[in-house]
PDB file of all heavy atoms in Angstrom:
ATOM      1  N   ALA A   1      -3.900  13.003  -9.500  1.00  0.00           N
ATOM      2  CA  ALA A   1      -3.399  12.849  -8.137  1.00  0.00           C
ATOM      3  C   ALA A   1      -3.930  11.523  -7.524  1.00  0.00           C
ATOM      4  O   ALA A   1      -3.319  10.987  -6.619  1.00  0.00           O
ATOM      5  CB  ALA A   1      -3.847  14.045  -7.317  1.00  0.00           C
ATOM      6  N   ALA A   2      -5.074  11.050  -7.962  1.00  0.00           N
ATOM      7  CA  ALA A   2      -5.748   9.889  -7.308  1.00  0.00           C
ATOM      8  C   ALA A   2      -5.746   8.618  -8.159  1.00  0.00           C
ATOM      9  O   ALA A   2      -6.096   7.574  -7.658  1.00  0.00           O
ATOM     10  CB  ALA A   2      -7.158  10.241  -6.930  1.00  0.00           C
ATOM     11  N   ASN A   3      -5.317   8.718  -9.439  1.00  0.00           N
ATOM     12  CA  ASN A   3      -5.533   7.603 -10.325  1.00  0.00           C
ATOM     13  C   ASN A   3      -4.304   7.279 -11.182  1.00  0.00           C
ATOM     14  O   ASN A   3      -3.616   8.214 -11.643  1.00  0.00           O
ATOM     15  CB  ASN A   3      -6.717   7.843 -11.278  1.00  0.00           C
ATOM     16  CG  ASN A   3      -8.048   7.947 -10.549  1.00  0.00           C
ATOM     17  OD1 ASN A   3      -8.515   6.969  -9.995  1.00  0.00           O
ATOM     18  ND2 ASN A   3      -8.624   9.137 -10.539  1.00  0.00           N
ATOM     19  N   SER A   4      -4.073   5.978 -11.391  1.00  0.00           N
ATOM     20  CA  SER A   4      -2.993   5.492 -12.245  1.00  0.00           C
ATOM     21  C   SER A   4      -3.441   4.336 -13.032  1.00  0.00           C
ATOM     22  O   SER A   4      -4.441   3.659 -12.654  1.00  0.00           O
ATOM     23  CB  SER A   4      -1.766   5.076 -11.432  1.00  0.00           C
ATOM     24  OG  SER A   4      -1.229   6.187 -10.678  1.00  0.00           O
ATOM     25  N   VAL A   5      -2.775   4.049 -14.170  1.00  0.00           N
ATOM     26  CA  VAL A   5      -3.063   2.857 -14.964  1.00  0.00           C
ATOM     27  C   VAL A   5      -1.750   2.214 -15.333  1.00  0.00           C
ATOM     28  O   VAL A   5      -0.697   2.766 -15.091  1.00  0.00           O
ATOM     29  CB  VAL A   5      -3.835   3.267 -16.301  1.00  0.00           C
ATOM     30  CG1 VAL A   5      -5.211   3.822 -15.952  1.00  0.00           C
ATOM     31  CG2 VAL A   5      -3.023   4.187 -17.159  1.00  0.00           C
ATOM     32  N   GLU A   6      -1.858   1.027 -15.944  1.00  0.00           N
ATOM     33  CA  GLU A   6      -0.655   0.313 -16.369  1.00  0.00           C
ATOM     34  C   GLU A   6      -0.618   0.127 -17.864  1.00  0.00           C
ATOM     35  O   GLU A   6      -1.636  -0.031 -18.508  1.00  0.00           O
ATOM     36  CB  GLU A   6      -0.584  -1.074 -15.643  1.00  0.00           C
ATOM     37  CG  GLU A   6      -0.357  -1.000 -14.173  1.00  0.00           C
ATOM     38  CD  GLU A   6      -0.295  -2.347 -13.545  1.00  0.00           C
ATOM     39  OE1 GLU A   6      -0.680  -3.333 -14.169  1.00  0.00           O
ATOM     40  OE2 GLU A   6       0.175  -2.473 -12.350  1.00  0.00           O
ATOM     41  N   ALA A   7       0.569   0.126 -18.388  1.00  0.00           N
ATOM     42  CA  ALA A   7       0.811  -0.244 -19.798  1.00  0.00           C
ATOM     43  C   ALA A   7       1.968  -1.312 -19.779  1.00  0.00           C
ATOM     44  O   ALA A   7       2.887  -1.202 -18.972  1.00  0.00           O
ATOM     45  CB  ALA A   7       1.253   0.935 -20.622  1.00  0.00           C
ATOM     46  N   VAL A   8       1.822  -2.336 -20.641  1.00  0.00           N
ATOM     47  CA  VAL A   8       2.796  -3.432 -20.658  1.00  0.00           C
ATOM     48  C   VAL A   8       3.300  -3.648 -22.075  1.00  0.00           C
ATOM     49  O   VAL A   8       2.481  -3.743 -22.996  1.00  0.00           O
ATOM     50  CB  VAL A   8       2.155  -4.733 -20.114  1.00  0.00           C
ATOM     51  CG1 VAL A   8       3.132  -5.906 -20.234  1.00  0.00           C
ATOM     52  CG2 VAL A   8       1.746  -4.555 -18.618  1.00  0.00           C
ATOM     53  N   PHE A   9       4.642  -3.685 -22.214  1.00  0.00           N
ATOM     54  CA  PHE A   9       5.233  -3.973 -23.498  1.00  0.00           C
ATOM     55  C   PHE A   9       5.848  -5.349 -23.492  1.00  0.00           C
ATOM     56  O   PHE A   9       6.565  -5.763 -22.623  1.00  0.00           O
ATOM     57  CB  PHE A   9       6.382  -2.927 -23.741  1.00  0.00           C
ATOM     58  CG  PHE A   9       7.138  -3.214 -25.058  1.00  0.00           C
ATOM     59  CD1 PHE A   9       6.487  -3.075 -26.295  1.00  0.00           C
ATOM     60  CD2 PHE A   9       8.445  -3.627 -25.006  1.00  0.00           C
ATOM     61  CE1 PHE A   9       7.205  -3.319 -27.460  1.00  0.00           C
ATOM     62  CE2 PHE A   9       9.174  -3.895 -26.196  1.00  0.00           C
ATOM     63  CZ  PHE A   9       8.524  -3.718 -27.405  1.00  0.00           C
ATOM     64  N   ILE A  10       5.479  -6.167 -24.541  1.00  0.00           N
ATOM     65  CA  ILE A  10       5.925  -7.548 -24.685  1.00  0.00           C
ATOM     66  C   ILE A  10       6.751  -7.673 -25.929  1.00  0.00           C
ATOM     67  O   ILE A  10       6.200  -7.719 -27.038  1.00  0.00           O
ATOM     68  CB  ILE A  10       4.722  -8.497 -24.731  1.00  0.00           C
ATOM     69  CG1 ILE A  10       3.814  -8.299 -23.476  1.00  0.00           C
ATOM     70  CG2 ILE A  10       5.172  -9.936 -24.810  1.00  0.00           C
ATOM     71  CD1 ILE A  10       2.462  -8.976 -23.626  1.00  0.00           C
ATOM     72  N   PRO A  11       8.099  -7.782 -25.764  1.00  0.00           N
ATOM     73  CA  PRO A  11       8.916  -7.912 -26.945  1.00  0.00           C
ATOM     74  C   PRO A  11       9.011  -9.363 -27.422  1.00  0.00           C
ATOM     75  O   PRO A  11       9.093 -10.290 -26.642  1.00  0.00           O
ATOM     76  CB  PRO A  11      10.288  -7.442 -26.470  1.00  0.00           C
ATOM     77  CG  PRO A  11      10.242  -7.763 -24.992  1.00  0.00           C
ATOM     78  CD  PRO A  11       8.852  -7.666 -24.545  1.00  0.00           C
ATOM     79  N   GLU A  12       8.929  -9.544 -28.746  1.00  0.00           N
ATOM     80  CA  GLU A  12       9.061 -10.833 -29.361  1.00  0.00           C
ATOM     81  C   GLU A  12       9.974 -10.744 -30.557  1.00  0.00           C
ATOM     82  O   GLU A  12      10.287  -9.617 -31.027  1.00  0.00           O
ATOM     83  CB  GLU A  12       7.722 -11.459 -29.753  1.00  0.00           C
ATOM     84  CG  GLU A  12       6.808 -11.694 -28.514  1.00  0.00           C
ATOM     85  CD  GLU A  12       5.457 -12.247 -28.924  1.00  0.00           C
ATOM     86  OE1 GLU A  12       5.342 -13.459 -29.115  1.00  0.00           O
ATOM     87  OE2 GLU A  12       4.525 -11.455 -29.074  1.00  0.00           O
ATOM     88  N   ALA A  13      10.373 -11.869 -31.097  1.00  0.00           N
ATOM     89  CA  ALA A  13      11.330 -11.791 -32.213  1.00  0.00           C
ATOM     90  C   ALA A  13      10.802 -11.054 -33.460  1.00  0.00           C
ATOM     91  O   ALA A  13      11.570 -10.343 -34.120  1.00  0.00           O
ATOM     92  CB  ALA A  13      11.733 -13.212 -32.612  1.00  0.00           C
ATOM     93  N   ASP A  14       9.477 -11.169 -33.686  1.00  0.00           N
ATOM     94  CA  ASP A  14       8.945 -10.612 -34.888  1.00  0.00           C
ATOM     95  C   ASP A  14       8.003  -9.440 -34.672  1.00  0.00           C
ATOM     96  O   ASP A  14       7.398  -8.928 -35.612  1.00  0.00           O
ATOM     97  CB  ASP A  14       8.159 -11.678 -35.722  1.00  0.00           C
ATOM     98  CG  ASP A  14       6.998 -12.293 -34.892  1.00  0.00           C
ATOM     99  OD1 ASP A  14       7.038 -12.135 -33.667  1.00  0.00           O
ATOM    100  OD2 ASP A  14       6.155 -12.894 -35.518  1.00  0.00           O
ATOM    101  N   ARG A  15       7.844  -9.024 -33.427  1.00  0.00           N
ATOM    102  CA  ARG A  15       6.975  -7.937 -33.124  1.00  0.00           C
ATOM    103  C   ARG A  15       7.220  -7.398 -31.706  1.00  0.00           C
ATOM    104  O   ARG A  15       7.849  -8.045 -30.885  1.00  0.00           O
ATOM    105  CB  ARG A  15       5.502  -8.358 -33.204  1.00  0.00           C
ATOM    106  CG  ARG A  15       5.047  -9.293 -32.093  1.00  0.00           C
ATOM    107  CD  ARG A  15       3.643  -9.801 -32.309  1.00  0.00           C
ATOM    108  NE  ARG A  15       3.584 -10.719 -33.478  1.00  0.00           N
ATOM    109  CZ  ARG A  15       2.480 -11.197 -33.964  1.00  0.00           C
ATOM    110  NH1 ARG A  15       1.303 -10.907 -33.408  1.00  0.00           N
ATOM    111  NH2 ARG A  15       2.511 -12.022 -34.996  1.00  0.00           N
ATOM    112  N   GLY A  16       6.670  -6.223 -31.462  1.00  0.00           N
ATOM    113  CA  GLY A  16       6.680  -5.686 -30.133  1.00  0.00           C
ATOM    114  C   GLY A  16       5.259  -5.191 -29.827  1.00  0.00           C
ATOM    115  O   GLY A  16       4.780  -4.289 -30.462  1.00  0.00           O
ATOM    116  N   THR A  17       4.619  -5.799 -28.838  1.00  0.00           N
ATOM    117  CA  THR A  17       3.205  -5.592 -28.575  1.00  0.00           C
ATOM    118  C   THR A  17       3.070  -4.739 -27.297  1.00  0.00           C
ATOM    119  O   THR A  17       3.612  -5.104 -26.279  1.00  0.00           O
ATOM    120  CB  THR A  17       2.470  -6.912 -28.431  1.00  0.00           C
ATOM    121  OG1 THR A  17       2.585  -7.630 -29.631  1.00  0.00           O
ATOM    122  CG2 THR A  17       0.973  -6.662 -28.121  1.00  0.00           C
ATOM    123  N   LEU A  18       2.269  -3.692 -27.369  1.00  0.00           N
ATOM    124  CA  LEU A  18       2.006  -2.856 -26.271  1.00  0.00           C
ATOM    125  C   LEU A  18       0.539  -2.975 -25.880  1.00  0.00           C
ATOM    126  O   LEU A  18      -0.357  -2.746 -26.675  1.00  0.00           O
ATOM    127  CB  LEU A  18       2.323  -1.361 -26.572  1.00  0.00           C
ATOM    128  CG  LEU A  18       2.058  -0.396 -25.434  1.00  0.00           C
ATOM    129  CD1 LEU A  18       2.995  -0.690 -24.218  1.00  0.00           C
ATOM    130  CD2 LEU A  18       2.224   1.033 -25.894  1.00  0.00           C
ATOM    131  N   CYS A  19       0.289  -3.328 -24.611  1.00  0.00           N
ATOM    132  CA  CYS A  19      -1.078  -3.417 -24.084  1.00  0.00           C
ATOM    133  C   CYS A  19      -1.312  -2.137 -23.290  1.00  0.00           C
ATOM    134  O   CYS A  19      -0.564  -1.814 -22.331  1.00  0.00           O
ATOM    135  CB  CYS A  19      -1.241  -4.607 -23.160  1.00  0.00           C
ATOM    136  SG  CYS A  19      -1.023  -6.198 -24.003  1.00  0.00           S
ATOM    137  N   ILE A  20      -2.376  -1.398 -23.696  1.00  0.00           N
ATOM    138  CA  ILE A  20      -2.610  -0.103 -22.983  1.00  0.00           C
ATOM    139  C   ILE A  20      -4.041  -0.103 -22.465  1.00  0.00           C
ATOM    140  O   ILE A  20      -4.903  -0.858 -22.882  1.00  0.00           O
ATOM    141  CB  ILE A  20      -2.310   1.068 -23.901  1.00  0.00           C
ATOM    142  CG1 ILE A  20      -3.237   1.112 -25.143  1.00  0.00           C
ATOM    143  CG2 ILE A  20      -0.875   1.095 -24.307  1.00  0.00           C
ATOM    144  CD1 ILE A  20      -2.926   2.309 -26.033  1.00  0.00           C
ATOM    145  N   SER A  21      -4.282   0.838 -21.567  1.00  0.00           N
ATOM    146  CA  SER A  21      -5.546   0.921 -20.841  1.00  0.00           C
ATOM    147  C   SER A  21      -6.468   1.983 -21.409  1.00  0.00           C
ATOM    148  O   SER A  21      -6.005   2.947 -22.052  1.00  0.00           O
ATOM    149  CB  SER A  21      -5.278   1.264 -19.348  1.00  0.00           C
ATOM    150  OG  SER A  21      -4.469   0.269 -18.766  1.00  0.00           O
ATOM    151  N   SER A  22      -7.739   1.806 -21.171  1.00  0.00           N
ATOM    152  CA  SER A  22      -8.747   2.765 -21.660  1.00  0.00           C
ATOM    153  C   SER A  22      -9.522   3.424 -20.519  1.00  0.00           C
ATOM    154  O   SER A  22     -10.189   4.411 -20.676  1.00  0.00           O
ATOM    155  CB  SER A  22      -9.734   2.051 -22.586  1.00  0.00           C
ATOM    156  OG  SER A  22     -10.311   0.943 -21.972  1.00  0.00           O
ATOM    157  N   GLN A  23      -9.482   2.788 -19.336  1.00  0.00           N
ATOM    158  CA  GLN A  23     -10.174   3.290 -18.181  1.00  0.00           C
ATOM    159  C   GLN A  23      -9.347   3.067 -16.932  1.00  0.00           C
ATOM    160  O   GLN A  23      -8.434   2.224 -16.909  1.00  0.00           O
ATOM    161  CB  GLN A  23     -11.529   2.558 -17.960  1.00  0.00           C
ATOM    162  CG  GLN A  23     -12.520   2.731 -19.144  1.00  0.00           C
ATOM    163  CD  GLN A  23     -13.787   1.941 -18.917  1.00  0.00           C
ATOM    164  OE1 GLN A  23     -13.785   0.793 -18.515  1.00  0.00           O
ATOM    165  NE2 GLN A  23     -14.948   2.564 -19.185  1.00  0.00           N
ATOM    166  N   VAL A  24      -9.651   3.796 -15.910  1.00  0.00           N
ATOM    167  CA  VAL A  24      -9.083   3.515 -14.566  1.00  0.00           C
ATOM    168  C   VAL A  24     -10.061   2.551 -13.891  1.00  0.00           C
ATOM    169  O   VAL A  24     -11.190   2.947 -13.555  1.00  0.00           O
ATOM    170  CB  VAL A  24      -8.876   4.793 -13.731  1.00  0.00           C
ATOM    171  CG1 VAL A  24      -8.261   4.426 -12.370  1.00  0.00           C
ATOM    172  CG2 VAL A  24      -7.982   5.773 -14.465  1.00  0.00           C
ATOM    173  N   GLY A  25      -9.643   1.340 -13.704  1.00  0.00           N
ATOM    174  CA  GLY A  25     -10.525   0.291 -13.184  1.00  0.00           C
ATOM    175  C   GLY A  25     -11.480  -0.157 -14.279  1.00  0.00           C
ATOM    176  O   GLY A  25     -11.283   0.120 -15.476  1.00  0.00           O
ATOM    177  N   CYS A  26     -12.499  -0.912 -13.890  1.00  0.00           N
ATOM    178  CA  CYS A  26     -13.457  -1.456 -14.891  1.00  0.00           C
ATOM    179  C   CYS A  26     -14.750  -1.753 -14.182  1.00  0.00           C
ATOM    180  O   CYS A  26     -14.747  -2.224 -13.008  1.00  0.00           O
ATOM    181  CB  CYS A  26     -12.876  -2.726 -15.530  1.00  0.00           C
ATOM    182  SG  CYS A  26     -13.971  -3.372 -16.801  1.00  0.00           S
ATOM    183  N   ALA A  27     -15.861  -1.510 -14.826  1.00  0.00           N
ATOM    184  CA  ALA A  27     -17.180  -1.682 -14.201  1.00  0.00           C
ATOM    185  C   ALA A  27     -17.769  -3.097 -14.562  1.00  0.00           C
ATOM    186  O   ALA A  27     -18.843  -3.398 -13.979  1.00  0.00           O
ATOM    187  CB  ALA A  27     -18.151  -0.648 -14.744  1.00  0.00           C
ATOM    188  N   LEU A  28     -17.083  -3.900 -15.302  1.00  0.00           N
ATOM    189  CA  LEU A  28     -17.722  -5.142 -15.813  1.00  0.00           C
ATOM    190  C   LEU A  28     -17.589  -6.305 -14.827  1.00  0.00           C
ATOM    191  O   LEU A  28     -18.346  -7.259 -14.922  1.00  0.00           O
ATOM    192  CB  LEU A  28     -17.173  -5.479 -17.177  1.00  0.00           C
ATOM    193  CG  LEU A  28     -17.423  -4.499 -18.278  1.00  0.00           C
ATOM    194  CD1 LEU A  28     -17.032  -5.094 -19.619  1.00  0.00           C
ATOM    195  CD2 LEU A  28     -18.885  -4.083 -18.310  1.00  0.00           C
ATOM    196  N   ASN A  29     -16.630  -6.223 -13.913  1.00  0.00           N
ATOM    197  CA  ASN A  29     -16.566  -7.201 -12.828  1.00  0.00           C
ATOM    198  C   ASN A  29     -16.475  -8.680 -13.266  1.00  0.00           C
ATOM    199  O   ASN A  29     -17.150  -9.540 -12.719  1.00  0.00           O
ATOM    200  CB  ASN A  29     -17.746  -7.042 -11.865  1.00  0.00           C
ATOM    201  CG  ASN A  29     -17.500  -7.695 -10.523  1.00  0.00           C
ATOM    202  OD1 ASN A  29     -16.347  -7.794 -10.077  1.00  0.00           O
ATOM    203  ND2 ASN A  29     -18.534  -8.133  -9.852  1.00  0.00           N
ATOM    204  N   CYS A  30     -15.678  -8.942 -14.293  1.00  0.00           N
ATOM    205  CA  CYS A  30     -15.440 -10.340 -14.707  1.00  0.00           C
ATOM    206  C   CYS A  30     -14.822 -11.041 -13.539  1.00  0.00           C
ATOM    207  O   CYS A  30     -13.873 -10.533 -12.875  1.00  0.00           O
ATOM    208  CB  CYS A  30     -14.519 -10.389 -15.944  1.00  0.00           C
ATOM    209  SG  CYS A  30     -15.294  -9.627 -17.399  1.00  0.00           S
ATOM    210  N   SER A  31     -15.260 -12.240 -13.229  1.00  0.00           N
ATOM    211  CA  SER A  31     -14.950 -12.872 -11.946  1.00  0.00           C
ATOM    212  C   SER A  31     -13.473 -13.299 -11.833  1.00  0.00           C
ATOM    213  O   SER A  31     -12.989 -13.441 -10.694  1.00  0.00           O
ATOM    214  CB  SER A  31     -15.856 -14.065 -11.761  1.00  0.00           C
ATOM    215  OG  SER A  31     -15.589 -15.092 -12.695  1.00  0.00           O
ATOM    216  N   PHE A  32     -12.772 -13.462 -12.944  1.00  0.00           N
ATOM    217  CA  PHE A  32     -11.363 -13.891 -12.889  1.00  0.00           C
ATOM    218  C   PHE A  32     -10.401 -12.770 -13.100  1.00  0.00           C
ATOM    219  O   PHE A  32      -9.177 -12.977 -13.244  1.00  0.00           O
ATOM    220  CB  PHE A  32     -11.143 -14.935 -14.043  1.00  0.00           C
ATOM    221  CG  PHE A  32     -11.546 -14.414 -15.395  1.00  0.00           C
ATOM    222  CD1 PHE A  32     -10.649 -13.691 -16.152  1.00  0.00           C
ATOM    223  CD2 PHE A  32     -12.809 -14.658 -15.838  1.00  0.00           C
ATOM    224  CE1 PHE A  32     -11.024 -13.201 -17.414  1.00  0.00           C
ATOM    225  CE2 PHE A  32     -13.190 -14.160 -17.090  1.00  0.00           C
ATOM    226  CZ  PHE A  32     -12.298 -13.436 -17.836  1.00  0.00           C
ATOM    227  N   CYS A  33     -10.885 -11.518 -13.118  1.00  0.00           N
ATOM    228  CA  CYS A  33     -10.067 -10.329 -13.484  1.00  0.00           C
ATOM    229  C   CYS A  33      -9.717  -9.507 -12.321  1.00  0.00           C
ATOM    230  O   CYS A  33     -10.608  -9.034 -11.568  1.00  0.00           O
ATOM    231  CB  CYS A  33     -10.797  -9.509 -14.536  1.00  0.00           C
ATOM    232  SG  CYS A  33      -9.940  -8.012 -15.052  1.00  0.00           S
TER     233      CYS A  33
END
């Protein structure tokens, strides 16, 4: 009810790549993220 994540599919001529999530948010606080 309180949390969502994103998944992104990138189609290319020779592959289809899916980026998926492992956590809701992140604790590492990379400055550009």
